Amino acid sequence: MPRYQGRCHCGSIKFSFVAPAIKNGLRCNCSICIKKGAMIGDFIVAPEEMKIEVAENALATYQFATHVGKHHFCKTCGIYPFHQTLRKPGHYRVNLGCVEGVDTLSLPHKLIDGAAL
């Protein structure tokens, strides 16, 4: 499987992960995903496959409702690069808009019903 590179807008948060070839994305209809408008990967990244580099404590986390999901964002530029999932705690989904070489405007995607959780 390929290793991908990603970062927030300002570069304060950089990450890399191993995942299948990115051919599709997901959009979620939960309250936070609707407001973020991000397209996420249709795969889940195990913690041992996710490498995260953070400059100057730039990583912040937002939790709500059950406090199981952890929505990470950059304190400097505000971009959401990834989150730890509600469905598989401790594992990650990535914002495909932050992944190098991925064109989310032309990527086919499905809708997942996160609002039902």
PDB file of N, CA and C in Angstrom:
ATOM      1  N   MET A   1       0.845  -1.185   0.000  1.00  0.00           N
ATOM      2  CA  MET A   1       0.000   0.000   0.000  1.00  0.00           C
ATOM      3  C   MET A   1       0.889   1.248   0.000  1.00  0.00           C
ATOM      4  N   PRO A   2       0.423   2.294  -0.669  1.00  0.00           N
ATOM      5  CA  PRO A   2       1.225   3.525  -0.732  1.00  0.00           C
ATOM      6  C   PRO A   2       1.235   4.301   0.582  1.00  0.00           C
ATOM      7  N   ARG A   3       2.294   5.095   0.765  1.00  0.00           N
ATOM      8  CA  ARG A   3       2.389   6.034   1.885  1.00  0.00           C
ATOM      9  C   ARG A   3       2.074   7.416   1.329  1.00  0.00           C
ATOM     10  N   TYR A   4       1.150   8.095   1.963  1.00  0.00           N
ATOM     11  CA  TYR A   4       0.712   9.427   1.567  1.00  0.00           C
ATOM     12  C   TYR A   4       1.254  10.463   2.538  1.00  0.00           C
ATOM     13  N   GLN A   5       1.405  11.690   2.041  1.00  0.00           N
ATOM     14  CA  GLN A   5       1.847  12.834   2.839  1.00  0.00           C
ATOM     15  C   GLN A   5       0.719  13.861   2.861  1.00  0.00           C
ATOM     16  N   GLY A   6       0.591  14.542   3.990  1.00  0.00           N
ATOM     17  CA  GLY A   6      -0.402  15.598   4.079  1.00  0.00           C
ATOM     18  C   GLY A   6       0.034  16.658   5.068  1.00  0.00           C
ATOM     19  N   ARG A   7      -0.699  17.779   5.048  1.00  0.00           N
ATOM     20  CA  ARG A   7      -0.407  18.854   5.993  1.00  0.00           C
ATOM     21  C   ARG A   7      -1.591  19.804   6.063  1.00  0.00           C
ATOM     22  N   CYS A   8      -1.598  20.608   7.117  1.00  0.00           N
ATOM     23  CA  CYS A   8      -2.585  21.678   7.212  1.00  0.00           C
ATOM     24  C   CYS A   8      -2.163  22.790   6.249  1.00  0.00           C
ATOM     25  N   HIS A   9      -2.890  23.866   6.193  1.00  0.00           N
ATOM     26  CA  HIS A   9      -2.600  24.945   5.250  1.00  0.00           C
ATOM     27  C   HIS A   9      -1.253  25.612   5.517  1.00  0.00           C
ATOM     28  N   CYS A  10      -0.947  25.878   6.786  1.00  0.00           N
ATOM     29  CA  CYS A  10       0.292  26.594   7.114  1.00  0.00           C
ATOM     30  C   CYS A  10       1.502  25.680   7.286  1.00  0.00           C
ATOM     31  N   GLY A  11       1.286  24.364   7.342  1.00  0.00           N
ATOM     32  CA  GLY A  11       2.389  23.416   7.485  1.00  0.00           C
ATOM     33  C   GLY A  11       2.794  23.141   8.921  1.00  0.00           C
ATOM     34  N   SER A  12       2.071  23.686   9.889  1.00  0.00           N
ATOM     35  CA  SER A  12       2.390  23.422  11.297  1.00  0.00           C
ATOM     36  C   SER A  12       2.080  21.985  11.702  1.00  0.00           C
ATOM     37  N   ILE A  13       1.150  21.360  10.981  1.00  0.00           N
ATOM     38  CA  ILE A  13       0.825  19.949  11.210  1.00  0.00           C
ATOM     39  C   ILE A  13       1.112  19.207   9.916  1.00  0.00           C
ATOM     40  N   LYS A  14       1.996  18.238  10.004  1.00  0.00           N
ATOM     41  CA  LYS A  14       2.320  17.377   8.865  1.00  0.00           C
ATOM     42  C   LYS A  14       2.016  15.954   9.282  1.00  0.00           C
ATOM     43  N   PHE A  15       1.571  15.165   8.330  1.00  0.00           N
ATOM     44  CA  PHE A  15       1.263  13.773   8.644  1.00  0.00           C
ATOM     45  C   PHE A  15       1.516  12.902   7.423  1.00  0.00           C
ATOM     46  N   SER A  16       1.727  11.637   7.700  1.00  0.00           N
ATOM     47  CA  SER A  16       1.844  10.639   6.641  1.00  0.00           C
ATOM     48  C   SER A  16       1.136   9.390   7.122  1.00  0.00           C
ATOM     49  N   PHE A  17       0.682   8.600   6.171  1.00  0.00           N
ATOM     50  CA  PHE A  17      -0.073   7.394   6.519  1.00  0.00           C
ATOM     51  C   PHE A  17       0.003   6.401   5.375  1.00  0.00           C
ATOM     52  N   VAL A  18      -0.255   5.160   5.705  1.00  0.00           N
ATOM     53  CA  VAL A  18      -0.324   4.082   4.729  1.00  0.00           C
ATOM     54  C   VAL A  18      -1.794   3.738   4.547  1.00  0.00           C
ATOM     55  N   ALA A  19      -2.224   3.656   3.283  1.00  0.00           N
ATOM     56  CA  ALA A  19      -3.622   3.345   2.980  1.00  0.00           C
ATOM     57  C   ALA A  19      -3.706   2.797   1.562  1.00  0.00           C
ATOM     58  N   PRO A  20      -4.837   2.185   1.235  1.00  0.00           N
ATOM     59  CA  PRO A  20      -5.042   1.760  -0.151  1.00  0.00           C
ATOM     60  C   PRO A  20      -5.024   2.969  -1.083  1.00  0.00           C
ATOM     61  N   ALA A  21      -4.884   2.726  -2.370  1.00  0.00           N
ATOM     62  CA  ALA A  21      -4.913   3.810  -3.357  1.00  0.00           C
ATOM     63  C   ALA A  21      -6.187   4.630  -3.179  1.00  0.00           C
ATOM     64  N   ILE A  22      -6.048   5.947  -3.167  1.00  0.00           N
ATOM     65  CA  ILE A  22      -7.199   6.827  -2.962  1.00  0.00           C
ATOM     66  C   ILE A  22      -7.912   7.021  -4.298  1.00  0.00           C
ATOM     67  N   LYS A  23      -9.093   6.411  -4.407  1.00  0.00           N
ATOM     68  CA  LYS A  23      -9.890   6.486  -5.625  1.00  0.00           C
ATOM     69  C   LYS A  23     -11.263   7.084  -5.374  1.00  0.00           C
ATOM     70  N   ASN A  24     -11.660   7.134  -4.083  1.00  0.00           N
ATOM     71  CA  ASN A  24     -12.981   7.615  -3.686  1.00  0.00           C
ATOM     72  C   ASN A  24     -12.856   8.368  -2.374  1.00  0.00           C
ATOM     73  N   GLY A  25     -13.879   9.124  -2.071  1.00  0.00           N
ATOM     74  CA  GLY A  25     -13.944   9.812  -0.799  1.00  0.00           C
ATOM     75  C   GLY A  25     -15.302   9.613  -0.163  1.00  0.00           C
ATOM     76  N   LEU A  26     -15.452  10.187   1.020  1.00  0.00           N
ATOM     77  CA  LEU A  26     -16.716  10.146   1.742  1.00  0.00           C
ATOM     78  C   LEU A  26     -17.068  11.548   2.204  1.00  0.00           C
ATOM     79  N   ARG A  27     -18.340  11.813   2.228  1.00  0.00           N
ATOM     80  CA  ARG A  27     -18.866  12.993   2.896  1.00  0.00           C
ATOM     81  C   ARG A  27     -19.795  12.458   3.982  1.00  0.00           C
ATOM     82  N   CYS A  28     -19.820  13.142   5.102  1.00  0.00           N
ATOM     83  CA  CYS A  28     -20.619  12.709   6.246  1.00  0.00           C
ATOM     84  C   CYS A  28     -21.664  13.771   6.546  1.00  0.00           C
ATOM     85  N   ASN A  29     -22.840  13.335   7.004  1.00  0.00           N
ATOM     86  CA  ASN A  29     -23.916  14.271   7.292  1.00  0.00           C
ATOM     87  C   ASN A  29     -24.079  14.578   8.780  1.00  0.00           C
ATOM     88  N   CYS A  30     -23.069  14.246   9.600  1.00  0.00           N
ATOM     89  CA  CYS A  30     -23.173  14.604  11.016  1.00  0.00           C
ATOM     90  C   CYS A  30     -23.008  16.116  11.151  1.00  0.00           C
ATOM     91  N   SER A  31     -23.347  16.656  12.294  1.00  0.00           N
ATOM     92  CA  SER A  31     -23.374  18.110  12.465  1.00  0.00           C
ATOM     93  C   SER A  31     -22.008  18.769  12.241  1.00  0.00           C
ATOM     94  N   ILE A  32     -20.929  18.173  12.698  1.00  0.00           N
ATOM     95  CA  ILE A  32     -19.616  18.807  12.528  1.00  0.00           C
ATOM     96  C   ILE A  32     -19.110  18.670  11.093  1.00  0.00           C
ATOM     97  N   CYS A  33     -19.326  17.522  10.469  1.00  0.00           N
ATOM     98  CA  CYS A  33     -18.853  17.332   9.088  1.00  0.00           C
ATOM     99  C   CYS A  33     -19.604  18.233   8.114  1.00  0.00           C
ATOM    100  N   ILE A  34     -20.888  18.452   8.338  1.00  0.00           N
ATOM    101  CA  ILE A  34     -21.656  19.364   7.486  1.00  0.00           C
ATOM    102  C   ILE A  34     -21.038  20.758   7.550  1.00  0.00           C
ATOM    103  N   LYS A  35     -20.672  21.195   8.754  1.00  0.00           N
ATOM    104  CA  LYS A  35     -20.103  22.533   8.910  1.00  0.00           C
ATOM    105  C   LYS A  35     -18.674  22.622   8.375  1.00  0.00           C
ATOM    106  N   LYS A  36     -17.885  21.529   8.498  1.00  0.00           N
ATOM    107  CA  LYS A  36     -16.510  21.533   7.970  1.00  0.00           C
ATOM    108  C   LYS A  36     -16.506  21.457   6.453  1.00  0.00           C
ATOM    109  N   GLY A  37     -17.425  20.695   5.886  1.00  0.00           N
ATOM    110  CA  GLY A  37     -17.490  20.551   4.437  1.00  0.00           C
ATOM    111  C   GLY A  37     -16.351  19.755   3.835  1.00  0.00           C
ATOM    112  N   ALA A  38     -15.630  19.029   4.635  1.00  0.00           N
ATOM    113  CA  ALA A  38     -14.462  18.288   4.156  1.00  0.00           C
ATOM    114  C   ALA A  38     -14.861  16.955   3.529  1.00  0.00           C
ATOM    115  N   MET A  39     -14.017  16.481   2.632  1.00  0.00           N
ATOM    116  CA  MET A  39     -14.154  15.130   2.102  1.00  0.00           C
ATOM    117  C   MET A  39     -13.122  14.268   2.824  1.00  0.00           C
ATOM    118  N   ILE A  40     -13.585  13.169   3.390  1.00  0.00           N
ATOM    119  CA  ILE A  40     -12.691  12.288   4.134  1.00  0.00           C
ATOM    120  C   ILE A  40     -12.413  11.017   3.345  1.00  0.00           C
ATOM    121  N   GLY A  41     -11.347  10.338   3.728  1.00  0.00           N
ATOM    122  CA  GLY A  41     -10.999   9.084   3.069  1.00  0.00           C
ATOM    123  C   GLY A  41     -12.036   8.014   3.343  1.00  0.00           C
ATOM    124  N   ASP A  42     -12.219   7.119   2.402  1.00  0.00           N
ATOM    125  CA  ASP A  42     -13.156   6.005   2.588  1.00  0.00           C
ATOM    126  C   ASP A  42     -12.468   4.815   3.244  1.00  0.00           C
ATOM    127  N   PHE A  43     -11.385   5.077   3.941  1.00  0.00           N
ATOM    128  CA  PHE A  43     -10.586   4.073   4.638  1.00  0.00           C
ATOM    129  C   PHE A  43     -10.294   4.588   6.043  1.00  0.00           C
ATOM    130  N   ILE A  44      -9.965   3.693   6.931  1.00  0.00           N
ATOM    131  CA  ILE A  44      -9.585   4.048   8.298  1.00  0.00           C
ATOM    132  C   ILE A  44      -8.113   3.701   8.472  1.00  0.00           C
ATOM    133  N   VAL A  45      -7.371   4.618   9.080  1.00  0.00           N
ATOM    134  CA  VAL A  45      -5.927   4.442   9.271  1.00  0.00           C
ATOM    135  C   VAL A  45      -5.657   4.011  10.707  1.00  0.00           C
ATOM    136  N   ALA A  46      -4.960   2.887  10.863  1.00  0.00           N
ATOM    137  CA  ALA A  46      -4.585   2.404  12.194  1.00  0.00           C
ATOM    138  C   ALA A  46      -3.565   3.347  12.814  1.00  0.00           C
ATOM    139  N   PRO A  47      -3.569   3.495  14.130  1.00  0.00           N
ATOM    140  CA  PRO A  47      -2.645   4.432  14.773  1.00  0.00           C
ATOM    141  C   PRO A  47      -1.176   4.171  14.446  1.00  0.00           C
ATOM    142  N   GLU A  48      -0.799   2.920  14.274  1.00  0.00           N
ATOM    143  CA  GLU A  48       0.596   2.605  13.953  1.00  0.00           C
ATOM    144  C   GLU A  48       0.968   2.966  12.521  1.00  0.00           C
ATOM    145  N   GLU A  49      -0.037   3.239  11.675  1.00  0.00           N
ATOM    146  CA  GLU A  49       0.203   3.628  10.282  1.00  0.00           C
ATOM    147  C   GLU A  49       0.150   5.145  10.082  1.00  0.00           C
ATOM    148  N   MET A  50      -0.167   5.883  11.151  1.00  0.00           N
ATOM    149  CA  MET A  50      -0.301   7.338  11.080  1.00  0.00           C
ATOM    150  C   MET A  50       0.876   7.989  11.806  1.00  0.00           C
ATOM    151  N   LYS A  51       1.645   8.771  11.082  1.00  0.00           N
ATOM    152  CA  LYS A  51       2.773   9.516  11.655  1.00  0.00           C
ATOM    153  C   LYS A  51       2.416  10.996  11.633  1.00  0.00           C
ATOM    154  N   ILE A  52       2.484  11.650  12.788  1.00  0.00           N
ATOM    155  CA  ILE A  52       2.071  13.045  12.915  1.00  0.00           C
ATOM    156  C   ILE A  52       3.223  13.874  13.465  1.00  0.00           C
ATOM    157  N   GLU A  53       3.507  14.999  12.808  1.00  0.00           N
ATOM    158  CA  GLU A  53       4.513  15.963  13.262  1.00  0.00           C
ATOM    159  C   GLU A  53       3.804  17.286  13.519  1.00  0.00           C
ATOM    160  N   VAL A  54       3.995  17.830  14.717  1.00  0.00           N
ATOM    161  CA  VAL A  54       3.326  19.068  15.099  1.00  0.00           C
ATOM    162  C   VAL A  54       4.358  20.100  15.535  1.00  0.00           C
ATOM    163  N   ALA A  55       4.300  21.294  14.954  1.00  0.00           N
ATOM    164  CA  ALA A  55       5.200  22.394  15.323  1.00  0.00           C
ATOM    165  C   ALA A  55       4.556  23.231  16.424  1.00  0.00           C
ATOM    166  N   GLU A  56       5.317  23.546  17.443  1.00  0.00           N
ATOM    167  CA  GLU A  56       4.917  24.514  18.472  1.00  0.00           C
ATOM    168  C   GLU A  56       3.515  24.307  19.031  1.00  0.00           C
ATOM    169  N   ASN A  57       3.159  23.093  19.385  1.00  0.00           N
ATOM    170  CA  ASN A  57       1.850  22.801  19.976  1.00  0.00           C
ATOM    171  C   ASN A  57       0.677  23.294  19.143  1.00  0.00           C
ATOM    172  N   ALA A  58       0.787  23.195  17.829  1.00  0.00           N
ATOM    173  CA  ALA A  58      -0.254  23.711  16.929  1.00  0.00           C
ATOM    174  C   ALA A  58      -1.500  22.831  16.885  1.00  0.00           C
ATOM    175  N   LEU A  59      -1.413  21.593  17.339  1.00  0.00           N
ATOM    176  CA  LEU A  59      -2.554  20.676  17.244  1.00  0.00           C
ATOM    177  C   LEU A  59      -3.539  20.904  18.385  1.00  0.00           C
ATOM    178  N   ALA A  60      -4.789  21.150  18.030  1.00  0.00           N
ATOM    179  CA  ALA A  60      -5.865  21.294  19.007  1.00  0.00           C
ATOM    180  C   ALA A  60      -6.907  20.218  18.708  1.00  0.00           C
ATOM    181  N   THR A  61      -7.722  19.921  19.691  1.00  0.00           N
ATOM    182  CA  THR A  61      -8.727  18.866  19.554  1.00  0.00           C
ATOM    183  C   THR A  61     -10.077  19.369  20.037  1.00  0.00           C
ATOM    184  N   TYR A  62     -11.107  19.045  19.271  1.00  0.00           N
ATOM    185  CA  TYR A  62     -12.481  19.373  19.635  1.00  0.00           C
ATOM    186  C   TYR A  62     -13.260  18.072  19.781  1.00  0.00           C
ATOM    187  N   GLN A  63     -13.987  17.947  20.885  1.00  0.00           N
ATOM    188  CA  GLN A  63     -14.844  16.789  21.108  1.00  0.00           C
ATOM    189  C   GLN A  63     -16.233  17.280  21.502  1.00  0.00           C
ATOM    190  N   PHE A  64     -17.240  16.509  21.149  1.00  0.00           N
ATOM    191  CA  PHE A  64     -18.604  16.851  21.527  1.00  0.00           C
ATOM    192  C   PHE A  64     -19.408  15.573  21.687  1.00  0.00           C
ATOM    193  N   ALA A  65     -20.632  15.693  22.122  1.00  0.00           N
ATOM    194  CA  ALA A  65     -21.568  14.578  22.319  1.00  0.00           C
ATOM    195  C   ALA A  65     -20.932  13.478  23.185  1.00  0.00           C
ATOM    196  N   THR A  66     -20.546  12.344  22.589  1.00  0.00           N
ATOM    197  CA  THR A  66     -20.021  11.216  23.362  1.00  0.00           C
ATOM    198  C   THR A  66     -18.567  11.408  23.800  1.00  0.00           C
ATOM    199  N   HIS A  67     -17.868  12.357  23.219  1.00  0.00           N
ATOM    200  CA  HIS A  67     -16.442  12.624  23.487  1.00  0.00           C
ATOM    201  C   HIS A  67     -15.542  11.454  23.089  1.00  0.00           C
ATOM    202  N   VAL A  68     -16.030  10.590  22.217  1.00  0.00           N
ATOM    203  CA  VAL A  68     -15.210   9.487  21.706  1.00  0.00           C
ATOM    204  C   VAL A  68     -14.440   9.943  20.473  1.00  0.00           C
ATOM    205  N   GLY A  69     -15.123  10.568  19.533  1.00  0.00           N
ATOM    206  CA  GLY A  69     -14.460  11.103  18.349  1.00  0.00           C
ATOM    207  C   GLY A  69     -13.611  12.300  18.734  1.00  0.00           C
ATOM    208  N   LYS A  70     -12.440  12.410  18.116  1.00  0.00           N
ATOM    209  CA  LYS A  70     -11.538  13.529  18.400  1.00  0.00           C
ATOM    210  C   LYS A  70     -11.237  14.241  17.088  1.00  0.00           C
ATOM    211  N   HIS A  71     -11.767  15.445  16.967  1.00  0.00           N
ATOM    212  CA  HIS A  71     -11.624  16.224  15.745  1.00  0.00           C
ATOM    213  C   HIS A  71     -10.439  17.168  15.919  1.00  0.00           C
ATOM    214  N   HIS A  72      -9.358  16.895  15.206  1.00  0.00           N
ATOM    215  CA  HIS A  72      -8.125  17.650  15.360  1.00  0.00           C
ATOM    216  C   HIS A  72      -8.064  18.780  14.337  1.00  0.00           C
ATOM    217  N   PHE A  73      -7.486  19.907  14.761  1.00  0.00           N
ATOM    218  CA  PHE A  73      -7.324  21.040  13.860  1.00  0.00           C
ATOM    219  C   PHE A  73      -6.082  21.827  14.253  1.00  0.00           C
ATOM    220  N   CYS A  74      -5.638  22.675  13.339  1.00  0.00           N
ATOM    221  CA  CYS A  74      -4.450  23.492  13.552  1.00  0.00           C
ATOM    222  C   CYS A  74      -4.836  24.798  14.250  1.00  0.00           C
ATOM    223  N   LYS A  75      -4.176  25.098  15.352  1.00  0.00           N
ATOM    224  CA  LYS A  75      -4.426  26.355  16.072  1.00  0.00           C
ATOM    225  C   LYS A  75      -3.989  27.572  15.265  1.00  0.00           C
ATOM    226  N   THR A  76      -3.068  27.392  14.338  1.00  0.00           N
ATOM    227  CA  THR A  76      -2.539  28.514  13.565  1.00  0.00           C
ATOM    228  C   THR A  76      -3.434  28.867  12.381  1.00  0.00           C
ATOM    229  N   CYS A  77      -3.731  27.886  11.518  1.00  0.00           N
ATOM    230  CA  CYS A  77      -4.501  28.179  10.306  1.00  0.00           C
ATOM    231  C   CYS A  77      -5.956  27.708  10.372  1.00  0.00           C
ATOM    232  N   GLY A  78      -6.306  26.903  11.374  1.00  0.00           N
ATOM    233  CA  GLY A  78      -7.681  26.464  11.554  1.00  0.00           C
ATOM    234  C   GLY A  78      -8.098  25.249  10.748  1.00  0.00           C
ATOM    235  N   ILE A  79      -7.202  24.704   9.946  1.00  0.00           N
ATOM    236  CA  ILE A  79      -7.557  23.587   9.074  1.00  0.00           C
ATOM    237  C   ILE A  79      -7.668  22.273   9.856  1.00  0.00           C
ATOM    238  N   TYR A  80      -8.651  21.473   9.476  1.00  0.00           N
ATOM    239  CA  TYR A  80      -8.879  20.138  10.033  1.00  0.00           C
ATOM    240  C   TYR A  80      -8.182  19.118   9.133  1.00  0.00           C
ATOM    241  N   PRO A  81      -7.056  18.515   9.563  1.00  0.00           N
ATOM    242  CA  PRO A  81      -6.370  17.543   8.713  1.00  0.00           C
ATOM    243  C   PRO A  81      -6.824  16.091   8.909  1.00  0.00           C
ATOM    244  N   PHE A  82      -7.311  15.753  10.102  1.00  0.00           N
ATOM    245  CA  PHE A  82      -7.712  14.370  10.395  1.00  0.00           C
ATOM    246  C   PHE A  82      -8.502  14.334  11.692  1.00  0.00           C
ATOM    247  N   HIS A  83      -9.160  13.198  11.924  1.00  0.00           N
ATOM    248  CA  HIS A  83      -9.852  12.987  13.199  1.00  0.00           C
ATOM    249  C   HIS A  83      -9.745  11.529  13.609  1.00  0.00           C
ATOM    250  N   GLN A  84      -9.936  11.296  14.881  1.00  0.00           N
ATOM    251  CA  GLN A  84     -10.014   9.933  15.401  1.00  0.00           C
ATOM    252  C   GLN A  84     -11.491   9.574  15.447  1.00  0.00           C
ATOM    253  N   THR A  85     -11.827   8.418  14.921  1.00  0.00           N
ATOM    254  CA  THR A  85     -13.213   8.096  14.620  1.00  0.00           C
ATOM    255  C   THR A  85     -14.039   7.658  15.825  1.00  0.00           C
ATOM    256  N   LEU A  86     -15.308   7.924  15.707  1.00  0.00           N
ATOM    257  CA  LEU A  86     -16.288   7.452  16.676  1.00  0.00           C
ATOM    258  C   LEU A  86     -16.523   5.960  16.485  1.00  0.00           C
ATOM    259  N   ARG A  87     -16.522   5.529  15.236  1.00  0.00           N
ATOM    260  CA  ARG A  87     -16.829   4.122  14.922  1.00  0.00           C
ATOM    261  C   ARG A  87     -15.704   3.165  15.276  1.00  0.00           C
ATOM    262  N   LYS A  88     -14.466   3.654  15.263  1.00  0.00           N
ATOM    263  CA  LYS A  88     -13.317   2.817  15.609  1.00  0.00           C
ATOM    264  C   LYS A  88     -12.341   3.691  16.405  1.00  0.00           C
ATOM    265  N   PRO A  89     -12.611   3.884  17.696  1.00  0.00           N
ATOM    266  CA  PRO A  89     -11.820   4.798  18.520  1.00  0.00           C
ATOM    267  C   PRO A  89     -10.314   4.544  18.418  1.00  0.00           C
ATOM    268  N   GLY A  90      -9.566   5.647  18.365  1.00  0.00           N
ATOM    269  CA  GLY A  90      -8.117   5.572  18.273  1.00  0.00           C
ATOM    270  C   GLY A  90      -7.592   5.461  16.862  1.00  0.00           C
ATOM    271  N   HIS A  91      -8.459   5.175  15.908  1.00  0.00           N
ATOM    272  CA  HIS A  91      -8.092   5.085  14.497  1.00  0.00           C
ATOM    273  C   HIS A  91      -8.476   6.388  13.807  1.00  0.00           C
ATOM    274  N   TYR A  92      -7.897   6.630  12.648  1.00  0.00           N
ATOM    275  CA  TYR A  92      -8.027   7.923  11.990  1.00  0.00           C
ATOM    276  C   TYR A  92      -8.760   7.858  10.655  1.00  0.00           C
ATOM    277  N   ARG A  93      -9.401   8.973  10.346  1.00  0.00           N
ATOM    278  CA  ARG A  93      -9.846   9.294   8.998  1.00  0.00           C
ATOM    279  C   ARG A  93      -9.158  10.609   8.660  1.00  0.00           C
ATOM    280  N   VAL A  94      -8.786  10.766   7.399  1.00  0.00           N
ATOM    281  CA  VAL A  94      -8.060  11.966   7.000  1.00  0.00           C
ATOM    282  C   VAL A  94      -8.909  12.848   6.093  1.00  0.00           C
ATOM    283  N   ASN A  95      -8.655  14.141   6.165  1.00  0.00           N
ATOM    284  CA  ASN A  95      -9.262  15.116   5.269  1.00  0.00           C
ATOM    285  C   ASN A  95      -8.487  15.036   3.960  1.00  0.00           C
ATOM    286  N   LEU A  96      -9.102  14.522   2.920  1.00  0.00           N
ATOM    287  CA  LEU A  96      -8.404  14.321   1.648  1.00  0.00           C
ATOM    288  C   LEU A  96      -7.941  15.630   1.020  1.00  0.00           C
ATOM    289  N   GLY A  97      -8.540  16.753   1.397  1.00  0.00           N
ATOM    290  CA  GLY A  97      -8.095  18.042   0.908  1.00  0.00           C
ATOM    291  C   GLY A  97      -6.712  18.421   1.423  1.00  0.00           C
ATOM    292  N   CYS A  98      -6.241  17.746   2.454  1.00  0.00           N
ATOM    293  CA  CYS A  98      -4.915  18.002   3.030  1.00  0.00           C
ATOM    294  C   CYS A  98      -3.855  17.036   2.504  1.00  0.00           C
ATOM    295  N   VAL A  99      -4.248  16.067   1.701  1.00  0.00           N
ATOM    296  CA  VAL A  99      -3.323  15.042   1.210  1.00  0.00           C
ATOM    297  C   VAL A  99      -2.727  15.477  -0.128  1.00  0.00           C
ATOM    298  N   GLU A 100      -1.414  15.455  -0.211  1.00  0.00           N
ATOM    299  CA  GLU A 100      -0.711  15.858  -1.430  1.00  0.00           C
ATOM    300  C   GLU A 100      -1.145  15.008  -2.622  1.00  0.00           C
ATOM    301  N   GLY A 101      -1.437  15.673  -3.732  1.00  0.00           N
ATOM    302  CA  GLY A 101      -1.754  14.981  -4.977  1.00  0.00           C
ATOM    303  C   GLY A 101      -3.182  14.500  -5.116  1.00  0.00           C
ATOM    304  N   VAL A 102      -4.056  14.785  -4.142  1.00  0.00           N
ATOM    305  CA  VAL A 102      -5.449  14.350  -4.227  1.00  0.00           C
ATOM    306  C   VAL A 102      -6.311  15.551  -4.620  1.00  0.00           C
ATOM    307  N   ASP A 103      -7.070  15.412  -5.710  1.00  0.00           N
ATOM    308  CA  ASP A 103      -7.964  16.461  -6.183  1.00  0.00           C
ATOM    309  C   ASP A 103      -9.380  16.129  -5.732  1.00  0.00           C
ATOM    310  N   THR A 104      -9.789  16.698  -4.609  1.00  0.00           N
ATOM    311  CA  THR A 104     -11.109  16.373  -4.064  1.00  0.00           C
ATOM    312  C   THR A 104     -12.252  16.918  -4.916  1.00  0.00           C
ATOM    313  N   LEU A 105     -11.977  17.877  -5.775  1.00  0.00           N
ATOM    314  CA  LEU A 105     -13.039  18.418  -6.628  1.00  0.00           C
ATOM    315  C   LEU A 105     -13.443  17.453  -7.733  1.00  0.00           C
ATOM    316  N   SER A 106     -12.564  16.516  -8.086  1.00  0.00           N
ATOM    317  CA  SER A 106     -12.903  15.555  -9.135  1.00  0.00           C
ATOM    318  C   SER A 106     -13.031  14.127  -8.603  1.00  0.00           C
ATOM    319  N   LEU A 107     -12.890  13.939  -7.315  1.00  0.00           N
ATOM    320  CA  LEU A 107     -12.926  12.600  -6.724  1.00  0.00           C
ATOM    321  C   LEU A 107     -14.367  12.159  -6.480  1.00  0.00           C
ATOM    322  N   PRO A 108     -14.758  10.981  -6.968  1.00  0.00           N
ATOM    323  CA  PRO A 108     -16.101  10.491  -6.658  1.00  0.00           C
ATOM    324  C   PRO A 108     -16.219  10.238  -5.151  1.00  0.00           C
ATOM    325  N   HIS A 109     -17.429  10.388  -4.622  1.00  0.00           N
ATOM    326  CA  HIS A 109     -17.611  10.186  -3.186  1.00  0.00           C
ATOM    327  C   HIS A 109     -19.001   9.640  -2.874  1.00  0.00           C
ATOM    328  N   LYS A 110     -19.101   9.066  -1.680  1.00  0.00           N
ATOM    329  CA  LYS A 110     -20.360   8.557  -1.149  1.00  0.00           C
ATOM    330  C   LYS A 110     -20.711   9.359   0.086  1.00  0.00           C
ATOM    331  N   LEU A 111     -21.967   9.305   0.489  1.00  0.00           N
ATOM    332  CA  LEU A 111     -22.428   9.934   1.706  1.00  0.00           C
ATOM    333  C   LEU A 111     -22.585   8.873   2.784  1.00  0.00           C
ATOM    334  N   ILE A 112     -22.017   9.119   3.969  1.00  0.00           N
ATOM    335  CA  ILE A 112     -22.253   8.217   5.098  1.00  0.00           C
ATOM    336  C   ILE A 112     -23.161   8.917   6.090  1.00  0.00           C
ATOM    337  N   ASP A 113     -23.974   8.135   6.770  1.00  0.00           N
ATOM    338  CA  ASP A 113     -24.965   8.679   7.699  1.00  0.00           C
ATOM    339  C   ASP A 113     -24.398   8.749   9.109  1.00  0.00           C
ATOM    340  N   GLY A 114     -23.549   9.745   9.355  1.00  0.00           N
ATOM    341  CA  GLY A 114     -23.017   9.963  10.685  1.00  0.00           C
ATOM    342  C   GLY A 114     -24.025  10.577  11.619  1.00  0.00           C
ATOM    343  N   ALA A 115     -25.070  11.208  11.074  1.00  0.00           N
ATOM    344  CA  ALA A 115     -26.102  11.832  11.886  1.00  0.00           C
ATOM    345  C   ALA A 115     -26.927  10.796  12.637  1.00  0.00           C
ATOM    346  N   ALA A 116     -26.942   9.567  12.136  1.00  0.00           N
ATOM    347  CA  ALA A 116     -27.737   8.504  12.756  1.00  0.00           C
ATOM    348  C   ALA A 116     -27.057   7.917  13.989  1.00  0.00           C
ATOM    349  N   LEU A 117     -25.794   8.243  14.211  1.00  0.00           N
ATOM    350  CA  LEU A 117     -25.073   7.676  15.371  1.00  0.00           C
ATOM    351  C   LEU A 117     -25.440   8.354  16.653  1.00  0.00           C
TER     352      LEU A 117
END
